[in-house]
C-alpha atoms as a PDB file:
ATOM      1  CA  MET A   1      -4.376-233.917  35.904  1.00  0.00           C
ATOM      2  CA  THR A   2      -4.526-232.718  39.525  1.00  0.00           C
ATOM      3  CA  VAL A   3      -6.414-235.005  41.842  1.00  0.00           C
ATOM      4  CA  PRO A   4      -8.222-232.896  44.390  1.00  0.00           C
ATOM      5  CA  SER A   5      -7.347-233.596  48.102  1.00  0.00           C
ATOM      6  CA  PRO A   6     -10.180-235.206  50.093  1.00  0.00           C
ATOM      7  CA  PRO A   7     -12.010-232.791  52.369  1.00  0.00           C
ATOM      8  CA  VAL A   8     -10.706-232.547  55.858  1.00  0.00           C
ATOM      9  CA  PRO A   9     -13.288-233.698  58.105  1.00  0.00           C
ATOM     10  CA  ARG A  10     -14.577-231.027  60.438  1.00  0.00           C
ATOM     11  CA  ALA A  11     -14.488-231.701  64.199  1.00  0.00           C
ATOM     12  CA  GLU A  12     -18.019-232.017  65.556  1.00  0.00           C
ATOM     13  CA  ILE A  13     -19.184-229.004  67.411  1.00  0.00           C
ATOM     14  CA  PRO A  14     -19.737-230.025  71.140  1.00  0.00           C
ATOM     15  CA  ALA A  15     -23.149-229.947  72.238  1.00  0.00           C
ATOM     16  CA  LEU A  16     -22.258-227.780  75.234  1.00  0.00           C
ATOM     17  CA  SER A  17     -18.786-226.104  75.563  1.00  0.00           C
ATOM     18  CA  ILE A  18     -17.929-224.117  78.653  1.00  0.00           C
ATOM     19  CA  ARG A  19     -14.698-222.213  79.182  1.00  0.00           C
ATOM     20  CA  GLY A  20     -13.485-220.624  82.439  1.00  0.00           C
ATOM     21  CA  LEU A  21     -17.004-220.444  84.078  1.00  0.00           C
ATOM     22  CA  ALA A  22     -16.665-218.908  87.477  1.00  0.00           C
ATOM     23  CA  LYS A  23     -19.099-217.636  90.147  1.00  0.00           C
ATOM     24  CA  ARG A  24     -18.627-216.393  93.724  1.00  0.00           C
ATOM     25  CA  PHE A  25     -21.303-215.895  96.398  1.00  0.00           C
ATOM     26  CA  GLY A  26     -19.802-213.479  98.957  1.00  0.00           C
ATOM     27  CA  ALA A  27     -16.494-215.034 100.141  1.00  0.00           C
ATOM     28  CA  LYS A  28     -17.510-218.511  98.791  1.00  0.00           C
ATOM     29  CA  ILE A  29     -16.275-219.493  95.335  1.00  0.00           C
ATOM     30  CA  ALA A  30     -19.034-221.639  93.969  1.00  0.00           C
ATOM     31  CA  VAL A  31     -17.377-222.416  90.619  1.00  0.00           C
ATOM     32  CA  ASP A  32     -13.709-221.929  89.932  1.00  0.00           C
ATOM     33  CA  GLY A  33     -13.035-221.571  86.351  1.00  0.00           C
ATOM     34  CA  ILE A  34     -14.420-224.755  85.011  1.00  0.00           C
ATOM     35  CA  SER A  35     -13.825-225.768  81.286  1.00  0.00           C
ATOM     36  CA  LEU A  36     -15.605-228.702  79.799  1.00  0.00           C
ATOM     37  CA  ASP A  37     -16.810-230.079  76.405  1.00  0.00           C
ATOM     38  CA  VAL A  38     -19.886-232.366  76.142  1.00  0.00           C
ATOM     39  CA  PRO A  39     -19.944-234.264  73.008  1.00  0.00           C
ATOM     40  CA  ALA A  40     -22.887-234.219  70.841  1.00  0.00           C
ATOM     41  CA  GLY A  41     -25.170-237.348  71.062  1.00  0.00           C
ATOM     42  CA  SER A  42     -23.697-238.390  74.436  1.00  0.00           C
ATOM     43  CA  PHE A  43     -25.521-239.159  77.697  1.00  0.00           C
ATOM     44  CA  PHE A  44     -23.434-237.044  79.956  1.00  0.00           C
ATOM     45  CA  GLY A  45     -23.444-237.372  83.787  1.00  0.00           C
ATOM     46  CA  VAL A  46     -22.303-234.572  86.213  1.00  0.00           C
ATOM     47  CA  VAL A  47     -21.543-236.005  89.651  1.00  0.00           C
ATOM     48  CA  GLY A  48     -20.090-234.417  92.724  1.00  0.00           C
ATOM     49  CA  PRO A  49     -20.867-233.907  96.571  1.00  0.00           C
ATOM     50  CA  ASN A  50     -23.388-231.721  97.956  1.00  0.00           C
ATOM     51  CA  GLY A  51     -22.180-228.078  97.477  1.00  0.00           C
ATOM     52  CA  ALA A  52     -19.694-229.013  94.834  1.00  0.00           C
ATOM     53  CA  GLY A  53     -20.951-226.436  92.336  1.00  0.00           C
ATOM     54  CA  LYS A  54     -22.752-228.643  89.971  1.00  0.00           C
ATOM     55  CA  THR A  55     -26.103-226.807  89.918  1.00  0.00           C
ATOM     56  CA  THR A  56     -24.404-223.409  89.700  1.00  0.00           C
ATOM     57  CA  MET A  57     -22.373-224.538  86.827  1.00  0.00           C
ATOM     58  CA  LEU A  58     -25.238-225.769  84.885  1.00  0.00           C
ATOM     59  CA  SER A  59     -27.149-222.687  85.646  1.00  0.00           C
ATOM     60  CA  MET A  60     -24.537-220.540  84.102  1.00  0.00           C
ATOM     61  CA  ALA A  61     -24.189-222.828  81.328  1.00  0.00           C
ATOM     62  CA  THR A  62     -27.839-222.598  80.358  1.00  0.00           C
ATOM     63  CA  GLY A  63     -28.505-218.893  80.905  1.00  0.00           C
ATOM     64  CA  LEU A  64     -30.411-219.196  84.370  1.00  0.00           C
ATOM     65  CA  LEU A  65     -27.334-217.552  86.350  1.00  0.00           C
ATOM     66  CA  ARG A  66     -24.935-215.032  84.856  1.00  0.00           C
ATOM     67  CA  PRO A  67     -21.368-215.822  85.456  1.00  0.00           C
ATOM     68  CA  GLU A  68     -18.645-213.475  86.565  1.00  0.00           C
ATOM     69  CA  PHE A  69     -16.198-215.033  84.083  1.00  0.00           C
ATOM     70  CA  GLY A  70     -16.293-217.375  81.421  1.00  0.00           C
ATOM     71  CA  THR A  71     -18.379-218.472  78.231  1.00  0.00           C
ATOM     72  CA  ALA A  72     -20.900-221.319  77.420  1.00  0.00           C
ATOM     73  CA  LEU A  73     -21.948-222.297  73.882  1.00  0.00           C
ATOM     74  CA  VAL A  74     -24.700-224.631  72.966  1.00  0.00           C
ATOM     75  CA  HIS A  75     -23.896-226.144  69.637  1.00  0.00           C
ATOM     76  CA  GLY A  76     -21.752-223.117  68.874  1.00  0.00           C
ATOM     77  CA  VAL A  77     -24.251-220.540  69.983  1.00  0.00           C
ATOM     78  CA  ASP A  78     -23.186-218.288  72.768  1.00  0.00           C
ATOM     79  CA  VAL A  79     -25.634-218.620  75.682  1.00  0.00           C
ATOM     80  CA  TRP A  80     -25.009-215.091  76.878  1.00  0.00           C
ATOM     81  CA  GLN A  81     -24.313-213.105  73.556  1.00  0.00           C
ATOM     82  CA  HIS A  82     -27.325-214.864  71.637  1.00  0.00           C
ATOM     83  CA  PRO A  83     -29.700-216.007  74.619  1.00  0.00           C
ATOM     84  CA  LEU A  84     -32.811-216.565  72.407  1.00  0.00           C
ATOM     85  CA  GLU A  85     -31.131-218.670  69.943  1.00  0.00           C
ATOM     86  CA  ALA A  86     -29.191-220.661  72.499  1.00  0.00           C
ATOM     87  CA  LYS A  87     -32.256-221.277  74.553  1.00  0.00           C
ATOM     88  CA  ARG A  88     -34.203-222.671  71.556  1.00  0.00           C
ATOM     89  CA  LEU A  89     -31.785-225.439  71.591  1.00  0.00           C
ATOM     90  CA  LEU A  90     -32.258-226.219  75.254  1.00  0.00           C
ATOM     91  CA  GLY A  91     -34.734-228.201  77.394  1.00  0.00           C
ATOM     92  CA  ILE A  92     -34.010-227.651  81.118  1.00  0.00           C
ATOM     93  CA  LEU A  93     -35.080-229.219  84.186  1.00  0.00           C
ATOM     94  CA  PRO A  94     -33.508-227.049  86.995  1.00  0.00           C
ATOM     95  CA  ASP A  95     -33.171-227.968  90.708  1.00  0.00           C
ATOM     96  CA  GLY A  96     -36.084-226.913  92.837  1.00  0.00           C
ATOM     97  CA  VAL A  97     -38.220-225.996  89.688  1.00  0.00           C
ATOM     98  CA  ARG A  98     -41.079-223.685  90.371  1.00  0.00           C
ATOM     99  CA  LEU A  99     -43.947-224.330  88.159  1.00  0.00           C
ATOM    100  CA  PHE A 100     -47.243-222.457  87.246  1.00  0.00           C
ATOM    101  CA  ASP A 101     -48.921-225.079  89.642  1.00  0.00           C
ATOM    102  CA  ARG A 102     -52.414-223.479  89.449  1.00  0.00           C
ATOM    103  CA  LEU A 103     -52.610-224.935  85.839  1.00  0.00           C
ATOM    104  CA  SER A 104     -53.557-228.570  85.145  1.00  0.00           C
ATOM    105  CA  GLY A 105     -50.843-230.761  83.739  1.00  0.00           C
ATOM    106  CA  GLU A 106     -52.276-230.556  80.334  1.00  0.00           C
ATOM    107  CA  GLN A 107     -52.559-226.677  80.552  1.00  0.00           C
ATOM    108  CA  LEU A 108     -48.927-226.567  81.902  1.00  0.00           C
ATOM    109  CA  LEU A 109     -47.706-228.534  78.794  1.00  0.00           C
ATOM    110  CA  THR A 110     -49.874-226.454  76.390  1.00  0.00           C
ATOM    111  CA  TYR A 111     -48.537-223.221  77.989  1.00  0.00           C
ATOM    112  CA  ALA A 112     -44.828-224.483  77.813  1.00  0.00           C
ATOM    113  CA  GLY A 113     -45.382-225.314  73.965  1.00  0.00           C
ATOM    114  CA  LEU A 114     -47.085-222.008  73.216  1.00  0.00           C
ATOM    115  CA  LEU A 115     -44.387-220.063  75.189  1.00  0.00           C
ATOM    116  CA  ARG A 116     -41.711-221.774  72.953  1.00  0.00           C
ATOM    117  CA  GLY A 117     -43.638-220.371  69.757  1.00  0.00           C
ATOM    118  CA  MET A 118     -45.275-223.570  68.633  1.00  0.00           C
ATOM    119  CA  ASP A 119     -48.931-223.693  67.265  1.00  0.00           C
ATOM    120  CA  ARG A 120     -51.649-225.329  69.009  1.00  0.00           C
ATOM    121  CA  ALA A 121     -52.116-228.015  66.310  1.00  0.00           C
ATOM    122  CA  THR A 122     -48.653-229.169  67.207  1.00  0.00           C
ATOM    123  CA  VAL A 123     -48.868-228.621  70.926  1.00  0.00           C
ATOM    124  CA  ALA A 124     -52.048-230.813  71.508  1.00  0.00           C
ATOM    125  CA  PRO A 125     -50.814-234.116  70.233  1.00  0.00           C
ATOM    126  CA  ARG A 126     -47.339-233.699  71.733  1.00  0.00           C
ATOM    127  CA  ALA A 127     -48.817-232.821  74.969  1.00  0.00           C
ATOM    128  CA  ALA A 128     -50.993-235.786  74.935  1.00  0.00           C
ATOM    129  CA  GLU A 129     -48.147-238.201  74.121  1.00  0.00           C
ATOM    130  CA  LEU A 130     -45.985-236.810  76.782  1.00  0.00           C
ATOM    131  CA  LEU A 131     -48.587-237.260  79.334  1.00  0.00           C
ATOM    132  CA  ALA A 132     -48.967-240.962  78.293  1.00  0.00           C
ATOM    133  CA  ALA A 133     -45.292-241.486  78.338  1.00  0.00           C
ATOM    134  CA  MET A 134     -44.971-240.034  81.831  1.00  0.00           C
ATOM    135  CA  ASP A 135     -48.009-242.109  82.986  1.00  0.00           C
ATOM    136  CA  LEU A 136     -49.863-238.875  83.771  1.00  0.00           C
ATOM    137  CA  GLU A 137     -52.876-239.381  81.513  1.00  0.00           C
ATOM    138  CA  GLN A 138     -55.295-239.880  84.366  1.00  0.00           C
ATOM    139  CA  GLU A 139     -54.070-236.649  85.974  1.00  0.00           C
ATOM    140  CA  ALA A 140     -54.077-234.532  82.816  1.00  0.00           C
ATOM    141  CA  GLY A 141     -56.909-232.335  84.344  1.00  0.00           C
ATOM    142  CA  THR A 142     -55.513-232.184  87.901  1.00  0.00           C
ATOM    143  CA  LEU A 143     -53.866-229.000  89.090  1.00  0.00           C
ATOM    144  CA  VAL A 144     -50.261-229.375  89.380  1.00  0.00           C
ATOM    145  CA  VAL A 145     -50.384-228.022  92.907  1.00  0.00           C
ATOM    146  CA  ASP A 146     -52.084-231.319  93.848  1.00  0.00           C
ATOM    147  CA  TYR A 147     -49.530-233.489  92.332  1.00  0.00           C
ATOM    148  CA  SER A 148     -47.074-235.527  94.302  1.00  0.00           C
ATOM    149  CA  ALA A 149     -43.264-234.696  94.258  1.00  0.00           C
ATOM    150  CA  GLY A 150     -42.642-237.479  91.619  1.00  0.00           C
ATOM    151  CA  MET A 151     -45.472-236.434  89.514  1.00  0.00           C
ATOM    152  CA  THR A 152     -44.312-232.857  89.591  1.00  0.00           C
ATOM    153  CA  LYS A 153     -40.838-233.919  88.524  1.00  0.00           C
ATOM    154  CA  LYS A 154     -42.347-235.827  85.642  1.00  0.00           C
ATOM    155  CA  ILE A 155     -44.535-233.056  84.364  1.00  0.00           C
ATOM    156  CA  ALA A 156     -41.542-230.621  84.648  1.00  0.00           C
ATOM    157  CA  LEU A 157     -39.500-232.955  82.414  1.00  0.00           C
ATOM    158  CA  ALA A 158     -42.381-233.115  79.965  1.00  0.00           C
ATOM    159  CA  SER A 159     -42.454-229.326  79.789  1.00  0.00           C
ATOM    160  CA  ALA A 160     -38.615-229.457  79.026  1.00  0.00           C
ATOM    161  CA  LEU A 161     -39.251-232.015  76.212  1.00  0.00           C
ATOM    162  CA  ILE A 162     -42.260-230.673  74.326  1.00  0.00           C
ATOM    163  CA  HIS A 163     -40.323-228.380  71.852  1.00  0.00           C
ATOM    164  CA  ALA A 164     -37.912-231.266  70.931  1.00  0.00           C
ATOM    165  CA  PRO A 165     -34.790-229.408  72.106  1.00  0.00           C
ATOM    166  CA  ARG A 166     -31.330-230.626  70.791  1.00  0.00           C
ATOM    167  CA  VAL A 167     -29.821-230.596  74.358  1.00  0.00           C
ATOM    168  CA  LEU A 168     -31.601-231.658  77.615  1.00  0.00           C
ATOM    169  CA  VAL A 169     -30.108-230.399  80.942  1.00  0.00           C
ATOM    170  CA  LEU A 170     -31.532-232.244  83.943  1.00  0.00           C
ATOM    171  CA  ASP A 171     -30.676-231.567  87.483  1.00  0.00           C
ATOM    172  CA  GLU A 172     -31.684-234.689  89.711  1.00  0.00           C
ATOM    173  CA  PRO A 173     -34.308-235.922  87.187  1.00  0.00           C
ATOM    174  CA  PHE A 174     -35.125-239.185  89.100  1.00  0.00           C
ATOM    175  CA  GLU A 175     -35.308-237.673  92.639  1.00  0.00           C
ATOM    176  CA  ALA A 176     -38.678-238.585  94.259  1.00  0.00           C
ATOM    177  CA  VAL A 177     -39.596-240.555  91.100  1.00  0.00           C
ATOM    178  CA  ASP A 178     -40.863-244.178  91.705  1.00  0.00           C
ATOM    179  CA  PRO A 179     -38.822-247.136  90.079  1.00  0.00           C
ATOM    180  CA  VAL A 180     -41.465-247.842  87.382  1.00  0.00           C
ATOM    181  CA  SER A 181     -41.632-244.207  86.247  1.00  0.00           C
ATOM    182  CA  ALA A 182     -37.799-243.870  86.507  1.00  0.00           C
ATOM    183  CA  ALA A 183     -37.464-246.978  84.198  1.00  0.00           C
ATOM    184  CA  ASN A 184     -39.948-245.272  81.658  1.00  0.00           C
ATOM    185  CA  ILE A 185     -38.176-241.955  81.814  1.00  0.00           C
ATOM    186  CA  ARG A 186     -34.681-243.682  81.312  1.00  0.00           C
ATOM    187  CA  ALA A 187     -36.215-245.412  78.235  1.00  0.00           C
ATOM    188  CA  ILE A 188     -37.472-242.090  76.768  1.00  0.00           C
ATOM    189  CA  LEU A 189     -34.041-240.447  77.357  1.00  0.00           C
ATOM    190  CA  ASP A 190     -32.257-243.393  75.710  1.00  0.00           C
ATOM    191  CA  ARG A 191     -34.392-243.060  72.652  1.00  0.00           C
ATOM    192  CA  TYR A 192     -33.730-239.340  72.559  1.00  0.00           C
ATOM    193  CA  VAL A 193     -30.041-239.820  72.609  1.00  0.00           C
ATOM    194  CA  ALA A 194     -30.053-242.568  69.975  1.00  0.00           C
ATOM    195  CA  SER A 195     -31.976-240.055  67.762  1.00  0.00           C
ATOM    196  CA  GLY A 196     -29.145-237.587  68.012  1.00  0.00           C
ATOM    197  CA  GLY A 197     -30.033-235.651  71.118  1.00  0.00           C
ATOM    198  CA  THR A 198     -27.736-234.906  74.063  1.00  0.00           C
ATOM    199  CA  VAL A 199     -28.726-235.436  77.680  1.00  0.00           C
ATOM    200  CA  ILE A 200     -26.789-233.789  80.485  1.00  0.00           C
ATOM    201  CA  VAL A 201     -27.846-235.075  83.943  1.00  0.00           C
ATOM    202  CA  SER A 202     -26.699-234.063  87.335  1.00  0.00           C
ATOM    203  CA  SER A 203     -27.133-236.872  89.879  1.00  0.00           C
ATOM    204  CA  HIS A 204     -25.833-238.252  93.252  1.00  0.00           C
ATOM    205  CA  VAL A 205     -26.689-241.829  92.345  1.00  0.00           C
ATOM    206  CA  MET A 206     -23.481-243.222  91.042  1.00  0.00           C
ATOM    207  CA  ASP A 207     -24.796-246.658  90.085  1.00  0.00           C
ATOM    208  CA  LEU A 208     -27.442-244.859  87.979  1.00  0.00           C
ATOM    209  CA  VAL A 209     -24.870-242.609  86.173  1.00  0.00           C
ATOM    210  CA  GLN A 210     -22.507-245.654  85.562  1.00  0.00           C
ATOM    211  CA  ARG A 211     -25.436-247.778  83.919  1.00  0.00           C
ATOM    212  CA  MET A 212     -27.092-244.853  82.102  1.00  0.00           C
ATOM    213  CA  CYS A 213     -24.312-242.527  80.910  1.00  0.00           C
ATOM    214  CA  SER A 214     -21.665-242.677  78.322  1.00  0.00           C
ATOM    215  CA  HIS A 215     -19.532-239.831  79.615  1.00  0.00           C
ATOM    216  CA  VAL A 216     -19.098-238.398  83.199  1.00  0.00           C
ATOM    217  CA  ALA A 217     -17.428-235.267  84.786  1.00  0.00           C
ATOM    218  CA  VAL A 218     -16.569-235.245  88.538  1.00  0.00           C
ATOM    219  CA  VAL A 219     -16.838-231.849  90.131  1.00  0.00           C
ATOM    220  CA  ALA A 220     -15.894-230.949  93.774  1.00  0.00           C
ATOM    221  CA  SER A 221     -15.331-227.649  95.483  1.00  0.00           C
ATOM    222  CA  GLY A 222     -16.110-225.758  92.370  1.00  0.00           C
ATOM    223  CA  ARG A 223     -13.540-227.445  90.268  1.00  0.00           C
ATOM    224  CA  LEU A 224     -13.458-230.097  87.614  1.00  0.00           C
ATOM    225  CA  LEU A 225     -11.604-233.221  88.883  1.00  0.00           C
ATOM    226  CA  ALA A 226     -12.040-235.676  86.124  1.00  0.00           C
ATOM    227  CA  ALA A 227     -13.976-235.811  82.755  1.00  0.00           C
ATOM    228  CA  GLY A 228     -14.297-238.451  79.939  1.00  0.00           C
ATOM    229  CA  THR A 229     -16.042-241.590  79.079  1.00  0.00           C
ATOM    230  CA  VAL A 230     -17.330-243.572  82.049  1.00  0.00           C
ATOM    231  CA  ALA A 231     -14.726-246.251  81.337  1.00  0.00           C
ATOM    232  CA  GLN A 232     -11.965-243.632  81.347  1.00  0.00           C
ATOM    233  CA  VAL A 233     -13.018-241.942  84.545  1.00  0.00           C
ATOM    234  CA  ARG A 234     -13.679-245.139  86.500  1.00  0.00           C
ATOM    235  CA  GLY A 235     -10.588-247.040  85.438  1.00  0.00           C
ATOM    236  CA  ASN A 236     -10.554-250.511  87.116  1.00  0.00           C
ATOM    237  CA  ALA A 237     -12.793-249.269  89.806  1.00  0.00           C
ATOM    238  CA  THR A 238     -16.476-248.851  90.065  1.00  0.00           C
ATOM    239  CA  LEU A 239     -17.472-245.078  89.530  1.00  0.00           C
ATOM    240  CA  GLU A 240     -18.474-244.835  93.253  1.00  0.00           C
ATOM    241  CA  GLU A 241     -15.039-245.945  94.315  1.00  0.00           C
ATOM    242  CA  ARG A 242     -13.251-243.597  91.824  1.00  0.00           C
ATOM    243  CA  PHE A 243     -15.449-240.760  92.967  1.00  0.00           C
ATOM    244  CA  VAL A 244     -14.683-241.266  96.694  1.00  0.00           C
ATOM    245  CA  GLU A 245     -10.952-241.458  95.731  1.00  0.00           C
ATOM    246  CA  LEU A 246     -11.097-238.165  93.669  1.00  0.00           C
ATOM    247  CA  VAL A 247     -13.234-236.250  96.030  1.00  0.00           C
ATOM    248  CA  GLY A 248     -11.938-237.624  99.379  1.00  0.00           C
ATOM    249  CA  GLY A 249     -13.573-236.527 102.800  1.00  0.00           C
ATOM    250  CA  ARG A 250     -14.631-240.064 103.750  1.00  0.00           C
ATOM    251  CA  ASN A 251     -15.019-240.092 107.541  1.00  0.00           C
ATOM    252  CA  SER A 252     -14.021-242.894 109.827  1.00  0.00           C
ATOM    253  CA  ALA A 253     -16.726-245.078 111.384  1.00  0.00           C
ATOM    254  CA  GLU A 254     -15.013-244.712 114.752  1.00  0.00           C
ATOM    255  CA  GLY A 255     -16.954-243.535 117.698  1.00  0.00           C
ATOM    256  CA  LEU A 256     -20.752-243.462 117.954  1.00  0.00           C
ATOM    257  CA  GLU A 257     -20.536-246.102 120.781  1.00  0.00           C
ATOM    258  CA  TRP A 258     -23.913-244.927 122.128  1.00  0.00           C
ATOM    259  CA  LEU A 259     -25.610-246.283 118.939  1.00  0.00           C
ATOM    260  CA  ARG A 260     -24.713-249.879 120.083  1.00  0.00           C
ATOM    261  CA  THR A 261     -27.842-250.404 122.122  1.00  0.00           C
ATOM    262  CA  PHE A 262     -27.808-254.311 121.986  1.00  0.00           C
END
């Protein structure tokens, strides 16, 4: 009697897989052939200096900006070959997001849900729960144009979450958000990842990424300098120290004698 061989475990498909993404703006190469895999179920940080190409890379990876070269797949679905199918899996908070700000917060969430093909019976309770989670219940009827910068960031994040995407891509989600709200948002994202979702967050705050993320990628001058778990990338240093070592460009504190006024 022949004993059947045990099944060979299938490698888990990455939540996001990009290969050779490249983009040029005039003479400037913004992204120079980046390839990167984001494991499913990870809290993945993307860090880099201003102008590193982080936002351009993520915009191409999520279908917001067409690449000149390269591919991007969300759970195996090609973003540019099958955009509708891929975007159903995504929740996106882009940098400098423009919202329909003549709607109230509640109306904006309702619109976001209906736009995703959800029925009103599902959208209404989800919108209410998200408004409560983001501490925006009292501002549900206020026009978004009258929101503060932090409130606008929170309602934009709620809009990205309402359809329960499998992958969240957030560009500077904590910018202009107060510490209490930031802690609440981190708790929401932690629960989301614990339930099987994947979060990709771009941030300049190294301490936040080090505490919050399981994986990290360092990008500078349009190229990927390092990627892996946070422990792998930082080694025996802090993430900030490793980042400065990889990116370079730290200036000397010499000069500026005129600042010594006393």
